[in-house]
């Protein structure tokens, strides 16, 4: 799967697509591959705060449990509850239907600390 070039990536394997002052956040195809068979996702409530690099939820697979870390700070304005019942959406469409939360960014300058698609690809290679 090719990674979209128009989004930003966190070293912790979350992605961010910016839509005005809203950051749409999910996990990357690489994270999905590493987790393998997804079993459960725990997402926050709409209206709660997200803090950069702090846990906003968790995702479980048959192999492990991983924290979901917010790549940016702000108020969670929407949660994709459809993926809770249909985890396959995360696996089959991590960058579109598999989004997890939408955050109204409180500090858009935090985006500058995230990686481009090429930088993220290099990060993955360095991790392996």
C-alpha atoms as a PDB file:
ATOM      1  CA  UNK A   1       0.000   0.000   0.000  1.00  0.00           C
ATOM      2  CA  UNK A   2       1.354   3.401  -0.881  1.00  0.00           C
ATOM      3  CA  UNK A   3       1.266   6.018   1.844  1.00  0.00           C
ATOM      4  CA  UNK A   4      -0.439   9.294   1.016  1.00  0.00           C
ATOM      5  CA  UNK A   5       2.085  12.096   0.511  1.00  0.00           C
ATOM      6  CA  UNK A   6      -0.358  14.793   1.632  1.00  0.00           C
ATOM      7  CA  UNK A   7      -0.520  13.668   5.256  1.00  0.00           C
ATOM      8  CA  UNK A   8       1.928  13.776   8.173  1.00  0.00           C
ATOM      9  CA  UNK A   9       3.184  10.807  10.187  1.00  0.00           C
ATOM     10  CA  UNK A  10       4.184  10.370  13.824  1.00  0.00           C
ATOM     11  CA  UNK A  11       7.148   8.147  14.749  1.00  0.00           C
ATOM     12  CA  UNK A  12       4.654   6.194  16.910  1.00  0.00           C
ATOM     13  CA  UNK A  13       2.819   5.165  13.677  1.00  0.00           C
ATOM     14  CA  UNK A  14      -0.207   7.466  13.741  1.00  0.00           C
ATOM     15  CA  UNK A  15      -1.030   9.697  10.776  1.00  0.00           C
ATOM     16  CA  UNK A  16      -2.605  13.157  10.503  1.00  0.00           C
ATOM     17  CA  UNK A  17      -4.560  14.628   7.597  1.00  0.00           C
ATOM     18  CA  UNK A  18      -5.230  18.345   8.036  1.00  0.00           C
ATOM     19  CA  UNK A  19      -8.654  19.713   7.044  1.00  0.00           C
ATOM     20  CA  UNK A  20      -8.628  23.404   8.014  1.00  0.00           C
ATOM     21  CA  UNK A  21      -8.175  23.512  11.805  1.00  0.00           C
ATOM     22  CA  UNK A  22      -9.163  19.843  12.136  1.00  0.00           C
ATOM     23  CA  UNK A  23      -6.634  16.994  12.304  1.00  0.00           C
ATOM     24  CA  UNK A  24      -8.025  13.636  11.173  1.00  0.00           C
ATOM     25  CA  UNK A  25      -6.013  10.906  12.933  1.00  0.00           C
ATOM     26  CA  UNK A  26      -5.580   7.173  12.414  1.00  0.00           C
ATOM     27  CA  UNK A  27      -2.871   4.511  12.395  1.00  0.00           C
ATOM     28  CA  UNK A  28      -0.612   3.735   9.461  1.00  0.00           C
ATOM     29  CA  UNK A  29      -0.660   0.690   7.214  1.00  0.00           C
ATOM     30  CA  UNK A  30       2.672  -0.307   8.790  1.00  0.00           C
ATOM     31  CA  UNK A  31       1.090  -0.295  12.273  1.00  0.00           C
ATOM     32  CA  UNK A  32      -1.797  -2.409  10.979  1.00  0.00           C
ATOM     33  CA  UNK A  33       0.672  -4.900   9.465  1.00  0.00           C
ATOM     34  CA  UNK A  34       2.676  -5.128  12.695  1.00  0.00           C
ATOM     35  CA  UNK A  35      -0.435  -5.630  14.828  1.00  0.00           C
ATOM     36  CA  UNK A  36      -1.792  -8.288  12.464  1.00  0.00           C
ATOM     37  CA  UNK A  37      -5.253  -9.611  13.473  1.00  0.00           C
ATOM     38  CA  UNK A  38      -7.083  -6.698  15.115  1.00  0.00           C
ATOM     39  CA  UNK A  39      -9.341  -7.665  18.020  1.00  0.00           C
ATOM     40  CA  UNK A  40     -10.441  -4.445  19.775  1.00  0.00           C
ATOM     41  CA  UNK A  41     -10.091  -0.667  19.694  1.00  0.00           C
ATOM     42  CA  UNK A  42     -10.788   1.695  22.583  1.00  0.00           C
ATOM     43  CA  UNK A  43     -11.419   5.295  21.539  1.00  0.00           C
ATOM     44  CA  UNK A  44     -12.044   8.429  23.625  1.00  0.00           C
ATOM     45  CA  UNK A  45     -15.288  10.338  24.012  1.00  0.00           C
ATOM     46  CA  UNK A  46     -16.109  13.284  21.785  1.00  0.00           C
ATOM     47  CA  UNK A  47     -15.399  16.545  23.643  1.00  0.00           C
ATOM     48  CA  UNK A  48     -12.360  15.289  25.549  1.00  0.00           C
ATOM     49  CA  UNK A  49      -8.887  16.737  25.173  1.00  0.00           C
ATOM     50  CA  UNK A  50      -6.045  15.221  23.195  1.00  0.00           C
ATOM     51  CA  UNK A  51      -2.493  16.124  24.182  1.00  0.00           C
ATOM     52  CA  UNK A  52       0.444  15.674  21.810  1.00  0.00           C
ATOM     53  CA  UNK A  53       2.236  12.361  22.448  1.00  0.00           C
ATOM     54  CA  UNK A  54      -0.264  11.379  25.182  1.00  0.00           C
ATOM     55  CA  UNK A  55      -2.444   8.276  25.028  1.00  0.00           C
ATOM     56  CA  UNK A  56      -5.907   8.789  23.514  1.00  0.00           C
ATOM     57  CA  UNK A  57      -6.883   5.119  23.277  1.00  0.00           C
ATOM     58  CA  UNK A  58      -5.579   1.661  22.591  1.00  0.00           C
ATOM     59  CA  UNK A  59      -5.735  -0.998  19.939  1.00  0.00           C
ATOM     60  CA  UNK A  60      -5.488  -4.715  20.582  1.00  0.00           C
ATOM     61  CA  UNK A  61      -4.610  -7.538  18.272  1.00  0.00           C
ATOM     62  CA  UNK A  62      -4.143 -11.236  18.820  1.00  0.00           C
ATOM     63  CA  UNK A  63      -0.405 -10.419  19.215  1.00  0.00           C
ATOM     64  CA  UNK A  64      -0.314  -7.326  21.434  1.00  0.00           C
ATOM     65  CA  UNK A  65      -1.920  -4.234  22.936  1.00  0.00           C
ATOM     66  CA  UNK A  66      -0.674  -0.828  21.774  1.00  0.00           C
ATOM     67  CA  UNK A  67      -1.391   2.674  23.013  1.00  0.00           C
ATOM     68  CA  UNK A  68      -2.683   5.187  20.488  1.00  0.00           C
ATOM     69  CA  UNK A  69      -0.767   8.458  20.884  1.00  0.00           C
ATOM     70  CA  UNK A  70      -2.087  11.830  19.774  1.00  0.00           C
ATOM     71  CA  UNK A  71       0.183  13.469  17.181  1.00  0.00           C
ATOM     72  CA  UNK A  72      -1.326  16.899  17.967  1.00  0.00           C
ATOM     73  CA  UNK A  73      -3.142  18.606  20.846  1.00  0.00           C
ATOM     74  CA  UNK A  74      -6.703  19.879  20.881  1.00  0.00           C
ATOM     75  CA  UNK A  75     -10.332  18.973  21.451  1.00  0.00           C
ATOM     76  CA  UNK A  76     -11.677  15.703  20.078  1.00  0.00           C
ATOM     77  CA  UNK A  77     -14.630  16.803  17.949  1.00  0.00           C
ATOM     78  CA  UNK A  78     -15.521  13.472  16.328  1.00  0.00           C
ATOM     79  CA  UNK A  79     -14.893   9.765  16.912  1.00  0.00           C
ATOM     80  CA  UNK A  80     -15.243   7.071  14.247  1.00  0.00           C
ATOM     81  CA  UNK A  81     -17.464   4.683  16.210  1.00  0.00           C
ATOM     82  CA  UNK A  82     -18.040   2.565  13.079  1.00  0.00           C
ATOM     83  CA  UNK A  83     -14.565   1.045  13.378  1.00  0.00           C
ATOM     84  CA  UNK A  84     -15.325  -0.269  16.895  1.00  0.00           C
ATOM     85  CA  UNK A  85     -17.824  -2.715  15.396  1.00  0.00           C
ATOM     86  CA  UNK A  86     -15.950  -3.189  12.120  1.00  0.00           C
ATOM     87  CA  UNK A  87     -12.195  -3.363  12.767  1.00  0.00           C
ATOM     88  CA  UNK A  88     -11.698  -4.518   9.173  1.00  0.00           C
ATOM     89  CA  UNK A  89     -12.150  -0.875   8.114  1.00  0.00           C
ATOM     90  CA  UNK A  90      -8.823  -0.065   9.808  1.00  0.00           C
ATOM     91  CA  UNK A  91      -7.050  -2.915   8.013  1.00  0.00           C
ATOM     92  CA  UNK A  92      -8.576  -2.405   4.581  1.00  0.00           C
ATOM     93  CA  UNK A  93      -8.627   1.413   4.521  1.00  0.00           C
ATOM     94  CA  UNK A  94      -6.318   2.835   7.219  1.00  0.00           C
ATOM     95  CA  UNK A  95      -6.053   6.272   5.559  1.00  0.00           C
ATOM     96  CA  UNK A  96      -9.718   6.760   4.671  1.00  0.00           C
ATOM     97  CA  UNK A  97     -12.544   4.748   6.274  1.00  0.00           C
ATOM     98  CA  UNK A  98     -10.249   3.600   9.112  1.00  0.00           C
ATOM     99  CA  UNK A  99      -9.706   7.062  10.635  1.00  0.00           C
ATOM    100  CA  UNK A 100     -10.111   7.133  14.424  1.00  0.00           C
ATOM    101  CA  UNK A 101     -10.591  10.671  15.748  1.00  0.00           C
ATOM    102  CA  UNK A 102     -10.887  14.258  14.549  1.00  0.00           C
ATOM    103  CA  UNK A 103      -9.182  16.898  16.691  1.00  0.00           C
ATOM    104  CA  UNK A 104      -9.664  20.675  16.537  1.00  0.00           C
ATOM    105  CA  UNK A 105      -6.014  21.636  16.884  1.00  0.00           C
ATOM    106  CA  UNK A 106      -5.092  24.024  19.665  1.00  0.00           C
ATOM    107  CA  UNK A 107      -1.515  24.460  18.363  1.00  0.00           C
ATOM    108  CA  UNK A 108      -1.154  23.821  14.611  1.00  0.00           C
ATOM    109  CA  UNK A 109       2.611  24.456  14.907  1.00  0.00           C
ATOM    110  CA  UNK A 110       2.854  20.927  16.384  1.00  0.00           C
ATOM    111  CA  UNK A 111       2.413  19.633  12.826  1.00  0.00           C
ATOM    112  CA  UNK A 112       5.983  20.786  12.073  1.00  0.00           C
ATOM    113  CA  UNK A 113       7.350  18.030  14.327  1.00  0.00           C
ATOM    114  CA  UNK A 114       5.693  15.262  12.289  1.00  0.00           C
ATOM    115  CA  UNK A 115       7.254  13.323   9.424  1.00  0.00           C
ATOM    116  CA  UNK A 116       6.604  13.443   5.676  1.00  0.00           C
ATOM    117  CA  UNK A 117       5.792  10.160   3.893  1.00  0.00           C
ATOM    118  CA  UNK A 118       9.454   9.791   2.825  1.00  0.00           C
ATOM    119  CA  UNK A 119      10.753  10.563   6.325  1.00  0.00           C
ATOM    120  CA  UNK A 120       8.300   8.046   7.789  1.00  0.00           C
ATOM    121  CA  UNK A 121       9.471   5.362   5.330  1.00  0.00           C
ATOM    122  CA  UNK A 122      13.073   6.013   6.434  1.00  0.00           C
ATOM    123  CA  UNK A 123      11.968   5.866  10.088  1.00  0.00           C
ATOM    124  CA  UNK A 124      10.419   2.427   9.534  1.00  0.00           C
ATOM    125  CA  UNK A 125      13.592   1.139   7.872  1.00  0.00           C
ATOM    126  CA  UNK A 126      15.685   2.403  10.790  1.00  0.00           C
ATOM    127  CA  UNK A 127      13.349   0.664  13.278  1.00  0.00           C
ATOM    128  CA  UNK A 128      13.607  -2.733  11.594  1.00  0.00           C
END
